[in-house]
Amino acid sequence: MVTHYPREDLAGRCVAIVTAFHDLPDNAVTEDEAAFAKFASALRRGIPTPGMLLEVRQVWQLAGPQPRLIEATVELTDAFDTFTPRHVFEGTFPDEAVQAITADVTRGGHFEYAGGGARRGIIWCDRSMGLGEPRPWSAVYRLRPEREFGEALDPEFVEALKQFVSRL
């Protein structure tokens, strides 16, 4: 599933593009509402439920002479156990600019209900938000069961991440 939407909370005509690969029950694209209801019911009761959601996220600033990538993220969620919002990133990253880029209330999008699992990812952000000289920041992270992250990924790895995300 691919979604595209404006990031009106960021300066410079930003847009987010999210590509999701999943095996979750999805009553929006199939007629199996019973499978989705069973999945959602288990999550609401805190029952561990199998599933996988891989999101590839890119945020672009479009106002300049050339579009500039300001966020590249790959995140895997599995081991679902609660019906929890995906957009809850507040306080995850210590940098104010990164927090502004990741604090997107529509971040969960179609899978907003599927934030209650083991979430692990790789993120790169341009803290200038595409409006000045690049100020890169990167990390690997885990949001559950506890929040952990390690900063400053190897520049070659960051370039590979940006290239991968930009292709989807």
N, C-alpha and C. Protein backbone atom coordinates (compact mmCIF):
# COMPACT_ATOMS: atom_id res chain seq x y z
N MET A 1 0.84 -1.16 0.00
CA MET A 1 0.00 0.00 0.00
C MET A 1 0.89 1.24 0.00
N VAL A 2 0.58 2.20 -0.84
CA VAL A 2 1.34 3.45 -0.90
C VAL A 2 0.40 4.60 -0.58
N THR A 3 0.84 5.48 0.33
CA THR A 3 0.05 6.67 0.65
C THR A 3 0.93 7.90 0.44
N HIS A 4 0.29 9.01 0.14
CA HIS A 4 0.97 10.27 -0.13
C HIS A 4 0.11 11.37 0.46
N TYR A 5 0.69 12.23 1.26
CA TYR A 5 -0.10 13.31 1.84
C TYR A 5 0.79 14.51 2.18
N PRO A 6 0.18 15.72 2.22
CA PRO A 6 0.96 16.92 2.54
C PRO A 6 1.33 16.95 4.02
N ARG A 7 2.48 17.54 4.31
CA ARG A 7 2.92 17.80 5.69
C ARG A 7 2.81 19.30 5.91
N GLU A 8 1.58 19.76 6.10
CA GLU A 8 1.32 21.19 6.24
C GLU A 8 1.92 21.79 7.50
N ASP A 9 2.32 20.94 8.46
CA ASP A 9 2.94 21.42 9.69
C ASP A 9 4.41 21.79 9.49
N LEU A 10 5.00 21.44 8.35
CA LEU A 10 6.39 21.75 8.05
C LEU A 10 6.46 22.83 6.97
N ALA A 11 7.47 23.68 7.04
CA ALA A 11 7.64 24.75 6.05
C ALA A 11 8.15 24.18 4.74
N GLY A 12 7.87 24.86 3.65
CA GLY A 12 8.46 24.51 2.36
C GLY A 12 7.71 23.48 1.55
N ARG A 13 6.37 23.45 1.66
CA ARG A 13 5.56 22.51 0.87
C ARG A 13 6.05 21.08 0.98
N CYS A 14 6.10 20.54 2.16
CA CYS A 14 6.57 19.17 2.38
C CYS A 14 5.46 18.16 2.12
N VAL A 15 5.87 16.98 1.67
CA VAL A 15 4.95 15.86 1.48
C VAL A 15 5.59 14.60 2.05
N ALA A 16 4.75 13.68 2.48
CA ALA A 16 5.21 12.38 2.96
C ALA A 16 4.70 11.32 1.99
N ILE A 17 5.56 10.35 1.71
CA ILE A 17 5.20 9.19 0.90
C ILE A 17 5.55 7.97 1.73
N VAL A 18 4.57 7.11 1.96
CA VAL A 18 4.78 5.93 2.80
C VAL A 18 4.37 4.69 2.00
N THR A 19 5.29 3.74 1.92
CA THR A 19 5.03 2.46 1.27
C THR A 19 5.00 1.41 2.37
N ALA A 20 3.91 0.66 2.45
CA ALA A 20 3.76 -0.34 3.51
C ALA A 20 3.57 -1.73 2.92
N PHE A 21 4.30 -2.67 3.48
CA PHE A 21 4.15 -4.08 3.15
C PHE A 21 3.66 -4.75 4.43
N HIS A 22 2.62 -5.60 4.33
CA HIS A 22 2.06 -6.15 5.57
C HIS A 22 1.34 -7.46 5.31
N ASP A 23 1.12 -8.17 6.41
CA ASP A 23 0.26 -9.35 6.34
C ASP A 23 -0.86 -9.24 7.37
N LEU A 24 -1.20 -8.01 7.74
CA LEU A 24 -2.25 -7.77 8.73
C LEU A 24 -3.62 -7.89 8.07
N PRO A 25 -4.62 -8.34 8.82
CA PRO A 25 -5.98 -8.32 8.28
C PRO A 25 -6.36 -6.87 7.96
N ASP A 26 -6.94 -6.64 6.80
CA ASP A 26 -7.20 -5.28 6.36
C ASP A 26 -8.56 -5.22 5.67
N ASN A 27 -9.56 -4.77 6.40
CA ASN A 27 -10.91 -4.76 5.83
C ASN A 27 -11.12 -3.64 4.81
N ALA A 28 -10.12 -2.78 4.61
CA ALA A 28 -10.24 -1.74 3.58
C ALA A 28 -9.93 -2.29 2.20
N VAL A 29 -9.14 -3.35 2.12
CA VAL A 29 -8.77 -3.88 0.80
C VAL A 29 -9.26 -5.30 0.56
N THR A 30 -9.85 -5.92 1.58
CA THR A 30 -10.47 -7.24 1.39
C THR A 30 -11.86 -7.19 2.00
N GLU A 31 -12.63 -8.19 1.75
CA GLU A 31 -13.97 -8.24 2.31
C GLU A 31 -14.03 -9.08 3.56
N ASP A 32 -12.87 -9.45 4.10
CA ASP A 32 -12.83 -10.29 5.29
C ASP A 32 -12.87 -9.44 6.56
N GLU A 33 -14.03 -8.85 6.81
CA GLU A 33 -14.18 -8.01 7.99
C GLU A 33 -14.09 -8.82 9.28
N ALA A 34 -14.43 -10.08 9.24
CA ALA A 34 -14.36 -10.93 10.43
C ALA A 34 -12.91 -11.12 10.88
N ALA A 35 -11.98 -11.29 9.94
CA ALA A 35 -10.57 -11.45 10.29
C ALA A 35 -10.04 -10.17 10.94
N PHE A 36 -10.41 -9.01 10.38
CA PHE A 36 -9.96 -7.75 10.97
C PHE A 36 -10.57 -7.57 12.36
N ALA A 37 -11.84 -7.86 12.51
CA ALA A 37 -12.50 -7.72 13.82
C ALA A 37 -11.84 -8.62 14.86
N LYS A 38 -11.47 -9.83 14.48
CA LYS A 38 -10.80 -10.75 15.40
C LYS A 38 -9.43 -10.20 15.80
N PHE A 39 -8.67 -9.70 14.82
CA PHE A 39 -7.35 -9.12 15.07
C PHE A 39 -7.46 -7.91 16.01
N ALA A 40 -8.38 -6.99 15.69
CA ALA A 40 -8.56 -5.79 16.50
C ALA A 40 -9.03 -6.13 17.91
N SER A 41 -9.92 -7.09 18.02
CA SER A 41 -10.42 -7.49 19.33
C SER A 41 -9.30 -8.05 20.20
N ALA A 42 -8.44 -8.88 19.61
CA ALA A 42 -7.30 -9.44 20.36
C ALA A 42 -6.38 -8.32 20.83
N LEU A 43 -6.09 -7.34 19.96
CA LEU A 43 -5.22 -6.23 20.35
C LEU A 43 -5.85 -5.39 21.46
N ARG A 44 -7.15 -5.16 21.36
CA ARG A 44 -7.83 -4.36 22.40
C ARG A 44 -7.79 -5.06 23.75
N ARG A 45 -7.71 -6.39 23.75
CA ARG A 45 -7.64 -7.15 25.01
C ARG A 45 -6.21 -7.45 25.42
N GLY A 46 -5.22 -6.97 24.64
CA GLY A 46 -3.82 -7.18 24.98
C GLY A 46 -3.32 -8.59 24.72
N ILE A 47 -3.95 -9.28 23.80
CA ILE A 47 -3.54 -10.64 23.46
C ILE A 47 -2.50 -10.57 22.35
N PRO A 48 -1.30 -11.13 22.55
CA PRO A 48 -0.29 -11.13 21.48
C PRO A 48 -0.84 -11.77 20.21
N THR A 49 -0.60 -11.08 19.09
CA THR A 49 -1.17 -11.48 17.82
C THR A 49 -0.10 -11.41 16.74
N PRO A 50 0.05 -12.47 15.93
CA PRO A 50 1.08 -12.44 14.89
C PRO A 50 0.73 -11.45 13.78
N GLY A 51 1.76 -10.95 13.14
CA GLY A 51 1.60 -10.04 12.02
C GLY A 51 2.90 -9.30 11.77
N MET A 52 2.98 -8.65 10.61
CA MET A 52 4.17 -7.90 10.26
C MET A 52 3.76 -6.69 9.43
N LEU A 53 4.39 -5.56 9.75
CA LEU A 53 4.17 -4.32 9.01
C LEU A 53 5.54 -3.69 8.77
N LEU A 54 5.91 -3.55 7.51
CA LEU A 54 7.17 -2.91 7.14
C LEU A 54 6.81 -1.62 6.43
N GLU A 55 7.23 -0.49 7.00
CA GLU A 55 6.95 0.81 6.40
C GLU A 55 8.24 1.45 5.91
N VAL A 56 8.19 1.97 4.70
CA VAL A 56 9.29 2.74 4.14
C VAL A 56 8.74 4.15 3.94
N ARG A 57 9.38 5.11 4.61
CA ARG A 57 8.83 6.47 4.67
C ARG A 57 9.83 7.46 4.10
N GLN A 58 9.31 8.39 3.32
CA GLN A 58 10.11 9.49 2.82
C GLN A 58 9.33 10.79 2.96
N VAL A 59 10.00 11.84 3.39
CA VAL A 59 9.40 13.17 3.48
C VAL A 59 10.27 14.09 2.63
N TRP A 60 9.60 14.79 1.72
CA TRP A 60 10.28 15.67 0.78
C TRP A 60 9.86 17.11 0.99
N GLN A 61 10.81 18.04 0.86
CA GLN A 61 10.53 19.47 0.84
C GLN A 61 10.56 19.88 -0.62
N LEU A 62 9.46 20.46 -1.11
CA LEU A 62 9.30 20.73 -2.54
C LEU A 62 9.46 22.19 -2.93
N ALA A 63 9.61 23.11 -1.99
CA ALA A 63 9.57 24.54 -2.30
C ALA A 63 10.82 25.07 -2.99
N GLY A 64 11.94 24.43 -2.86
CA GLY A 64 13.18 24.92 -3.45
C GLY A 64 13.28 24.63 -4.93
N PRO A 65 14.44 24.94 -5.50
CA PRO A 65 14.63 24.68 -6.93
C PRO A 65 14.61 23.18 -7.27
N GLN A 66 15.00 22.35 -6.31
CA GLN A 66 14.98 20.89 -6.47
C GLN A 66 14.32 20.29 -5.24
N PRO A 67 13.51 19.24 -5.38
CA PRO A 67 12.98 18.56 -4.19
C PRO A 67 14.13 18.05 -3.32
N ARG A 68 13.97 18.17 -2.01
CA ARG A 68 15.00 17.69 -1.08
C ARG A 68 14.39 16.69 -0.11
N LEU A 69 15.03 15.55 0.01
CA LEU A 69 14.63 14.55 0.98
C LEU A 69 15.00 15.05 2.37
N ILE A 70 14.02 15.07 3.29
CA ILE A 70 14.34 15.51 4.65
C ILE A 70 14.11 14.41 5.69
N GLU A 71 13.48 13.31 5.31
CA GLU A 71 13.39 12.14 6.19
C GLU A 71 13.37 10.88 5.35
N ALA A 72 14.14 9.89 5.80
CA ALA A 72 14.13 8.55 5.21
C ALA A 72 14.08 7.57 6.38
N THR A 73 13.04 6.75 6.41
CA THR A 73 12.87 5.81 7.52
C THR A 73 12.42 4.46 6.98
N VAL A 74 12.97 3.40 7.56
CA VAL A 74 12.50 2.04 7.34
C VAL A 74 12.19 1.50 8.72
N GLU A 75 10.94 1.06 8.92
CA GLU A 75 10.53 0.56 10.23
C GLU A 75 9.77 -0.76 10.09
N LEU A 76 10.12 -1.71 10.96
CA LEU A 76 9.43 -3.00 11.02
C LEU A 76 8.70 -3.11 12.35
N THR A 77 7.45 -3.49 12.29
CA THR A 77 6.67 -3.76 13.50
C THR A 77 6.16 -5.19 13.42
N ASP A 78 6.34 -5.92 14.52
CA ASP A 78 5.77 -7.26 14.62
C ASP A 78 5.47 -7.53 16.10
N ALA A 79 5.09 -8.73 16.41
CA ALA A 79 4.73 -9.09 17.79
C ALA A 79 3.70 -8.11 18.35
N PHE A 80 2.60 -7.92 17.63
CA PHE A 80 1.55 -6.98 18.05
C PHE A 80 0.91 -7.45 19.35
N ASP A 81 0.65 -6.50 20.25
CA ASP A 81 0.04 -6.88 21.53
C ASP A 81 -0.97 -5.89 22.07
N THR A 82 -1.08 -4.70 21.49
CA THR A 82 -2.09 -3.74 21.94
C THR A 82 -2.59 -2.94 20.74
N PHE A 83 -3.77 -2.36 20.90
CA PHE A 83 -4.38 -1.48 19.91
C PHE A 83 -3.87 -0.07 20.23
N THR A 84 -2.68 0.28 19.73
CA THR A 84 -1.98 1.51 20.11
C THR A 84 -1.70 2.35 18.87
N PRO A 85 -1.83 3.68 18.97
CA PRO A 85 -1.55 4.54 17.81
C PRO A 85 -0.10 4.45 17.34
N ARG A 86 0.11 4.48 16.02
CA ARG A 86 1.46 4.44 15.44
C ARG A 86 2.14 5.80 15.48
N HIS A 87 1.40 6.88 15.55
CA HIS A 87 2.00 8.21 15.42
C HIS A 87 2.70 8.70 16.68
N VAL A 88 2.72 7.92 17.73
CA VAL A 88 3.29 8.37 19.00
C VAL A 88 4.82 8.27 18.93
N PHE A 89 5.45 9.38 18.55
CA PHE A 89 6.91 9.47 18.49
C PHE A 89 7.41 10.52 19.48
N GLU A 90 6.49 11.21 20.16
CA GLU A 90 6.88 12.29 21.06
C GLU A 90 7.92 11.83 22.07
N GLY A 91 8.99 12.60 22.18
CA GLY A 91 10.03 12.31 23.15
C GLY A 91 10.96 11.19 22.76
N THR A 92 10.78 10.59 21.59
CA THR A 92 11.64 9.48 21.17
C THR A 92 13.04 9.96 20.83
N PHE A 93 13.13 11.04 20.06
CA PHE A 93 14.42 11.52 19.61
C PHE A 93 14.77 12.83 20.33
N PRO A 94 16.02 12.99 20.75
CA PRO A 94 16.40 14.13 21.59
C PRO A 94 16.56 15.45 20.83
N ASP A 95 16.62 15.42 19.53
CA ASP A 95 16.84 16.62 18.75
C ASP A 95 15.50 17.28 18.39
N GLU A 96 15.39 18.59 18.63
CA GLU A 96 14.13 19.31 18.41
C GLU A 96 13.68 19.27 16.95
N ALA A 97 14.61 19.45 16.02
CA ALA A 97 14.25 19.43 14.60
C ALA A 97 13.79 18.04 14.17
N VAL A 98 14.47 17.00 14.64
CA VAL A 98 14.05 15.63 14.32
C VAL A 98 12.67 15.37 14.90
N GLN A 99 12.45 15.86 16.11
CA GLN A 99 11.15 15.70 16.75
C GLN A 99 10.05 16.36 15.91
N ALA A 100 10.34 17.55 15.35
CA ALA A 100 9.35 18.25 14.52
C ALA A 100 9.03 17.45 13.25
N ILE A 101 10.05 16.85 12.65
CA ILE A 101 9.83 16.08 11.42
C ILE A 101 9.05 14.80 11.72
N THR A 102 9.35 14.13 12.83
CA THR A 102 8.71 12.84 13.13
C THR A 102 7.39 12.98 13.87
N ALA A 103 7.08 14.16 14.39
CA ALA A 103 5.83 14.35 15.15
C ALA A 103 4.67 14.62 14.20
N ASP A 104 4.40 13.69 13.35
CA ASP A 104 3.37 13.78 12.33
C ASP A 104 2.13 13.04 12.82
N VAL A 105 1.04 13.76 13.08
CA VAL A 105 -0.15 13.10 13.63
C VAL A 105 -0.77 12.11 12.64
N THR A 106 -0.43 12.23 11.37
CA THR A 106 -0.95 11.28 10.38
C THR A 106 0.07 10.18 10.10
N ARG A 107 1.12 10.09 10.89
CA ARG A 107 2.21 9.14 10.65
C ARG A 107 1.71 7.70 10.55
N GLY A 108 0.75 7.33 11.34
CA GLY A 108 0.23 5.96 11.30
C GLY A 108 -0.62 5.67 10.10
N GLY A 109 -1.27 6.71 9.58
CA GLY A 109 -2.10 6.57 8.39
C GLY A 109 -3.07 5.41 8.46
N HIS A 110 -3.10 4.64 7.41
CA HIS A 110 -4.02 3.52 7.29
C HIS A 110 -3.84 2.50 8.41
N PHE A 111 -2.62 2.39 8.93
CA PHE A 111 -2.31 1.40 9.98
C PHE A 111 -2.19 2.06 11.36
N GLU A 112 -2.89 3.13 11.58
CA GLU A 112 -2.80 3.88 12.84
C GLU A 112 -3.00 2.99 14.06
N TYR A 113 -3.85 2.00 13.97
CA TYR A 113 -4.16 1.12 15.10
C TYR A 113 -3.02 0.16 15.44
N ALA A 114 -2.03 0.03 14.55
CA ALA A 114 -1.03 -1.04 14.68
C ALA A 114 0.31 -0.54 15.23
N GLY A 115 0.27 0.27 16.28
CA GLY A 115 1.50 0.76 16.89
C GLY A 115 1.95 -0.05 18.08
N GLY A 116 1.14 -0.99 18.52
CA GLY A 116 1.45 -1.75 19.72
C GLY A 116 2.17 -3.03 19.44
N GLY A 117 3.36 -2.93 18.96
CA GLY A 117 4.16 -4.11 18.70
C GLY A 117 5.62 -3.80 18.90
N ALA A 118 6.47 -4.74 18.58
CA ALA A 118 7.91 -4.52 18.64
C ALA A 118 8.29 -3.69 17.42
N ARG A 119 8.59 -2.41 17.63
CA ARG A 119 8.90 -1.49 16.53
C ARG A 119 10.39 -1.20 16.51
N ARG A 120 11.00 -1.48 15.35
CA ARG A 120 12.44 -1.24 15.18
C ARG A 120 12.64 -0.54 13.85
N GLY A 121 13.60 0.39 13.81
CA GLY A 121 13.79 1.09 12.56
C GLY A 121 15.13 1.75 12.41
N ILE A 122 15.29 2.34 11.24
CA ILE A 122 16.46 3.13 10.86
C ILE A 122 15.92 4.44 10.34
N ILE A 123 16.49 5.55 10.80
CA ILE A 123 15.99 6.86 10.39
C ILE A 123 17.15 7.79 10.06
N TRP A 124 16.92 8.62 9.04
CA TRP A 124 17.83 9.72 8.70
C TRP A 124 16.97 10.95 8.51
N CYS A 125 17.40 12.08 9.04
CA CYS A 125 16.69 13.35 8.86
C CYS A 125 17.66 14.46 8.53
N ASP A 126 17.19 15.42 7.73
CA ASP A 126 17.92 16.67 7.52
C ASP A 126 17.27 17.68 8.45
N ARG A 127 17.96 18.01 9.54
CA ARG A 127 17.40 18.91 10.55
C ARG A 127 17.18 20.33 10.04
N SER A 128 17.73 20.68 8.86
CA SER A 128 17.45 22.00 8.28
C SER A 128 16.07 21.99 7.63
N MET A 129 15.46 20.82 7.53
CA MET A 129 14.16 20.62 6.90
C MET A 129 14.16 21.09 5.45
N GLY A 130 15.34 21.04 4.81
CA GLY A 130 15.44 21.41 3.41
C GLY A 130 15.47 22.90 3.16
N LEU A 131 15.59 23.71 4.22
CA LEU A 131 15.52 25.16 4.07
C LEU A 131 16.86 25.86 4.21
N GLY A 132 17.91 25.11 4.36
CA GLY A 132 19.24 25.70 4.51
C GLY A 132 20.29 24.65 4.23
N GLU A 133 21.49 24.90 4.72
CA GLU A 133 22.55 23.90 4.59
C GLU A 133 22.11 22.62 5.29
N PRO A 134 22.33 21.47 4.68
CA PRO A 134 21.93 20.20 5.31
C PRO A 134 22.55 20.03 6.70
N ARG A 135 21.74 19.55 7.62
CA ARG A 135 22.19 19.23 8.98
C ARG A 135 21.76 17.80 9.27
N PRO A 136 22.51 16.81 8.77
CA PRO A 136 22.07 15.42 8.87
C PRO A 136 22.09 14.86 10.29
N TRP A 137 21.17 13.94 10.53
CA TRP A 137 21.07 13.21 11.79
C TRP A 137 20.55 11.82 11.45
N SER A 138 21.08 10.80 12.10
CA SER A 138 20.61 9.45 11.82
C SER A 138 20.68 8.59 13.07
N ALA A 139 19.90 7.51 13.06
CA ALA A 139 19.89 6.61 14.22
C ALA A 139 19.24 5.29 13.83
N VAL A 140 19.55 4.27 14.61
CA VAL A 140 18.75 3.05 14.64
C VAL A 140 17.96 3.15 15.93
N TYR A 141 16.75 2.59 15.93
CA TYR A 141 15.93 2.72 17.14
C TYR A 141 15.06 1.50 17.37
N ARG A 142 14.61 1.40 18.61
CA ARG A 142 13.61 0.42 19.00
C ARG A 142 12.66 1.16 19.92
N LEU A 143 11.37 1.10 19.63
CA LEU A 143 10.39 1.82 20.44
C LEU A 143 9.74 0.96 21.51
N ARG A 144 9.68 -0.34 21.29
CA ARG A 144 9.08 -1.22 22.28
C ARG A 144 9.87 -2.51 22.32
N PRO A 145 10.02 -3.14 23.42
CA PRO A 145 9.34 -2.89 24.68
C PRO A 145 9.86 -1.66 25.42
N GLU A 146 11.07 -1.20 25.16
CA GLU A 146 11.56 0.04 25.75
C GLU A 146 12.16 0.86 24.63
N ARG A 147 12.29 2.16 24.86
CA ARG A 147 12.86 3.03 23.83
C ARG A 147 14.38 3.03 23.93
N GLU A 148 15.01 2.69 22.83
CA GLU A 148 16.46 2.70 22.74
C GLU A 148 16.84 3.19 21.36
N PHE A 149 17.95 3.90 21.26
CA PHE A 149 18.46 4.25 19.95
C PHE A 149 19.95 4.51 20.03
N GLY A 150 20.58 4.34 18.88
CA GLY A 150 22.00 4.63 18.72
C GLY A 150 22.15 5.62 17.59
N GLU A 151 22.95 6.66 17.79
CA GLU A 151 23.08 7.73 16.80
C GLU A 151 24.22 7.51 15.83
N ALA A 152 24.28 8.39 14.85
CA ALA A 152 25.37 8.56 13.91
C ALA A 152 25.71 7.29 13.13
N LEU A 153 24.86 6.98 12.17
CA LEU A 153 25.13 5.85 11.29
C LEU A 153 26.25 6.20 10.32
N ASP A 154 26.93 5.19 9.83
CA ASP A 154 28.00 5.35 8.86
C ASP A 154 27.47 6.09 7.63
N PRO A 155 28.18 7.10 7.11
CA PRO A 155 27.69 7.87 5.95
C PRO A 155 27.35 7.00 4.73
N GLU A 156 28.11 5.95 4.47
CA GLU A 156 27.80 5.08 3.34
C GLU A 156 26.47 4.36 3.55
N PHE A 157 26.21 3.95 4.79
CA PHE A 157 24.94 3.31 5.12
C PHE A 157 23.79 4.29 4.94
N VAL A 158 23.99 5.53 5.39
CA VAL A 158 22.95 6.57 5.25
C VAL A 158 22.64 6.79 3.77
N GLU A 159 23.65 6.88 2.93
CA GLU A 159 23.42 7.06 1.49
C GLU A 159 22.64 5.89 0.91
N ALA A 160 22.96 4.67 1.32
CA ALA A 160 22.23 3.49 0.85
C ALA A 160 20.77 3.55 1.30
N LEU A 161 20.54 3.97 2.55
CA LEU A 161 19.17 4.10 3.08
C LEU A 161 18.40 5.13 2.26
N LYS A 162 18.99 6.29 2.02
CA LYS A 162 18.31 7.34 1.26
C LYS A 162 17.99 6.88 -0.16
N GLN A 163 18.93 6.18 -0.79
CA GLN A 163 18.70 5.67 -2.14
C GLN A 163 17.57 4.64 -2.15
N PHE A 164 17.59 3.73 -1.19
CA PHE A 164 16.55 2.70 -1.10
C PHE A 164 15.17 3.32 -0.92
N VAL A 165 15.05 4.22 0.04
CA VAL A 165 13.76 4.86 0.34
C VAL A 165 13.27 5.65 -0.86
N SER A 166 14.17 6.35 -1.53
CA SER A 166 13.79 7.20 -2.67
C SER A 166 13.28 6.40 -3.86
N ARG A 167 13.61 5.13 -3.92
CA ARG A 167 13.20 4.31 -5.06
C ARG A 167 11.77 3.80 -4.93
N LEU A 168 11.24 3.81 -3.73
CA LEU A 168 9.88 3.25 -3.54
C LEU A 168 8.81 4.30 -3.72
